[in-house]
Protein backbone atom coordinates (compact mmCIF):
# COMPACT_ATOMS: atom_id res chain seq x y z
CA MET A 1 0.02 0.36 0.31
CA LYS A 2 2.24 2.93 -1.12
CA ILE A 3 1.92 5.51 -2.07
CA GLY A 4 4.12 8.54 -3.52
CA ALA A 5 5.20 11.20 -1.26
CA ALA A 6 4.20 14.10 -3.39
CA LEU A 7 0.36 12.87 -2.96
CA LEU A 8 0.76 12.32 0.52
CA ALA A 9 2.83 15.28 0.75
CA ALA A 10 -0.72 17.34 -0.99
CA GLY A 11 -3.17 14.83 1.10
CA ILE A 12 -1.30 16.20 4.76
CA VAL A 13 -1.17 19.84 3.10
CA ALA A 14 -5.10 19.28 2.21
CA CYS A 15 -6.03 18.55 5.30
CA GLY A 16 -4.19 21.23 7.10
CA PRO A 17 -2.46 21.46 9.68
CA ALA A 18 -3.18 20.48 13.12
CA ALA A 19 -3.70 23.13 16.11
CA SER A 20 -0.92 25.90 15.59
CA GLY A 21 -0.17 27.73 18.67
CA ALA A 22 -0.75 27.12 21.76
CA LYS A 23 -1.14 22.99 22.77
CA SER A 24 -4.44 22.43 24.20
CA SER A 25 -7.37 23.32 23.00
CA PRO A 26 -11.61 23.23 24.12
CA THR A 27 -13.84 21.03 22.92
CA PRO A 28 -13.86 21.46 19.60
CA GLU A 29 -16.35 22.10 16.76
CA PRO A 30 -15.94 19.29 14.10
CA PRO A 31 -15.68 20.14 10.56
CA SER A 32 -19.10 20.49 9.12
CA SER A 33 -18.25 20.06 5.70
CA PRO A 34 -16.35 16.46 4.51
CA ILE A 35 -12.73 15.92 5.75
CA LEU A 36 -9.78 14.82 2.75
CA ALA A 37 -9.04 11.75 3.02
CA ILE A 38 -6.12 9.27 1.69
CA LYS A 39 -8.16 5.39 -0.20
CA PRO A 40 -5.44 2.37 0.18
CA ASP A 41 -5.17 2.92 -3.13
CA GLY A 42 -3.08 5.79 -2.48
CA LEU A 43 -5.89 8.64 -4.25
CA PRO A 44 -7.52 11.16 -2.10
CA THR A 45 -11.79 11.29 -1.15
CA PHE A 46 -13.77 12.84 0.70
CA VAL A 47 -15.46 10.86 4.18
CA PRO A 48 -17.89 12.10 6.32
CA PRO A 49 -17.31 14.92 9.11
CA THR A 50 -16.83 13.17 12.39
CA ARG A 51 -19.57 14.07 16.12
CA ARG A 52 -18.34 16.30 18.54
CA PRO A 53 -16.74 14.66 20.95
CA ALA A 54 -17.71 14.29 24.63
CA THR A 55 -14.52 15.50 26.75
CA ALA A 56 -12.08 18.76 24.73
CA THR A 57 -9.07 17.92 23.29
CA PRO A 58 -6.11 16.69 25.73
CA GLY A 59 -3.52 18.85 25.68
CA MET A 60 0.15 18.19 24.21
CA ASN A 61 2.17 15.98 26.41
CA PRO A 62 5.49 17.93 28.51
CA GLY A 63 8.12 16.82 26.17
CA ALA A 64 6.44 16.70 22.66
CA ALA A 65 6.96 18.76 19.90
CA TYR A 66 4.64 17.16 16.94
CA ARG A 67 0.98 16.19 16.63
CA LEU A 68 0.11 14.01 14.53
CA GLU A 69 -4.34 13.48 14.47
CA GLY A 70 -6.76 12.44 12.38
CA VAL A 71 -9.31 10.14 11.38
CA VAL A 72 -10.33 6.76 10.76
CA VAL A 73 -13.21 5.38 8.67
CA ASP A 74 -14.12 2.53 6.20
CA ASP A 75 -14.88 2.00 2.73
CA GLN A 76 -18.47 3.19 3.65
CA GLY A 77 -17.44 6.48 5.41
CA ALA A 78 -17.93 4.96 9.13
CA PRO A 79 -15.20 5.56 12.03
CA ILE A 80 -13.78 2.55 12.70
CA VAL A 81 -12.94 1.99 16.93
CA ASP A 82 -9.86 0.97 18.03
CA VAL A 83 -8.47 0.87 14.45
CA CYS A 84 -4.46 -0.13 16.60
CA ILE A 85 -1.14 2.92 15.27
CA ALA A 86 2.11 1.01 15.82
CA ILE A 87 4.93 2.43 15.88
CA GLY A 88 7.92 1.19 14.80
CA PRO A 89 8.38 -2.22 13.79
CA ASN A 90 7.14 -3.95 17.06
CA GLY A 91 3.24 -4.39 15.92
CA CYS A 92 -0.09 -3.50 17.82
CA GLN A 93 1.08 -3.71 21.54
CA PRO A 94 -1.46 -2.93 24.88
CA HIS A 95 -0.51 0.72 25.14
CA SER A 96 -0.18 1.66 21.42
CA PRO A 97 -2.73 4.81 20.48
CA ARG A 98 -6.26 4.01 19.11
CA THR A 99 -9.43 5.67 17.49
CA ASP A 100 -12.01 6.27 19.34
CA ASP A 101 -15.01 5.84 19.17
CA ARG A 102 -15.39 8.89 16.87
CA GLY A 103 -12.34 6.44 14.97
CA VAL A 104 -10.21 9.53 16.14
CA TYR A 105 -6.73 9.56 16.95
CA ILE A 106 -4.30 11.55 18.30
CA ILE A 107 -0.57 10.54 18.90
CA ASP A 108 1.95 13.30 20.96
CA LEU A 109 5.44 12.83 19.09
CA PRO A 110 9.03 14.44 20.54
CA VAL A 111 11.43 16.53 18.09
CA ALA A 112 13.47 13.33 16.36
CA GLU A 113 15.53 14.36 13.36
CA ASN A 114 14.38 10.21 12.18
CA ALA A 115 10.72 9.38 10.38
CA TYR A 116 8.30 7.25 11.76
CA ASP A 117 7.21 3.92 10.79
CA PHE A 118 3.00 3.77 11.02
CA HIS A 119 0.65 0.76 11.26
CA TRP A 120 -2.72 1.57 11.19
CA THR A 121 -4.13 -2.32 12.23
CA LYS A 122 -7.06 -3.93 12.66
CA ASP A 123 -8.75 -7.47 12.61
CA GLY A 124 -11.10 -7.74 9.46
CA TYR A 125 -9.05 -4.03 7.44
CA GLN A 126 -5.69 -4.26 5.36
CA GLU A 127 -2.92 -3.03 6.97
CA VAL A 128 -2.05 1.23 6.04
CA THR A 129 2.16 1.76 6.76
CA ARG A 130 3.06 5.37 6.27
CA ARG A 131 6.66 6.35 7.11
CA LEU A 132 6.57 10.24 8.29
CA SER A 133 8.94 12.82 8.94
CA PHE A 134 7.26 15.66 11.24
CA THR A 135 8.48 19.00 10.59
CA ARG A 136 5.18 20.97 12.32
CA ASP A 137 2.08 19.46 13.54
CA GLN A 138 -0.06 16.74 10.48
CA VAL A 139 -3.56 15.37 10.31
CA LEU A 140 -3.69 11.83 8.42
CA ASN A 141 -6.88 10.84 8.12
CA LEU A 142 -7.16 7.22 6.80
CA VAL A 143 -10.04 5.24 5.22
CA LEU A 144 -9.33 1.39 5.28
CA ALA A 145 -10.73 -1.35 3.47
CA HIS A 146 -11.65 -4.81 4.36
């Protein structure tokens, strides 16, 4: 499931950066228009907006420099709950971040001059793998296929 770096960069830029400036935010209003996401074949698509979260978006962890966040949906646009986001080669672990009931995930990352390997996995869906480097907060929305 590889996509060109230009398409990935275009998808991230089109989605826009996560909140800039302040690293904590009140309960956000979800967008009312469709969200740009990347399909399993690497092509961009629009998916339905997320629901309003029950609680405020957590502030950035101390020592973190960048935030990666997004929504994971199925090929019908429904949010996928409990998608594991494994970072690195060890696969999904009990402490790995997961999507919430809206399909939303948030990962805070330290400053690093290397790329991270991310793996979005859930039984019954095809795994999506991306190698990402960070110089700013990023939003990456994905569609997982059955």
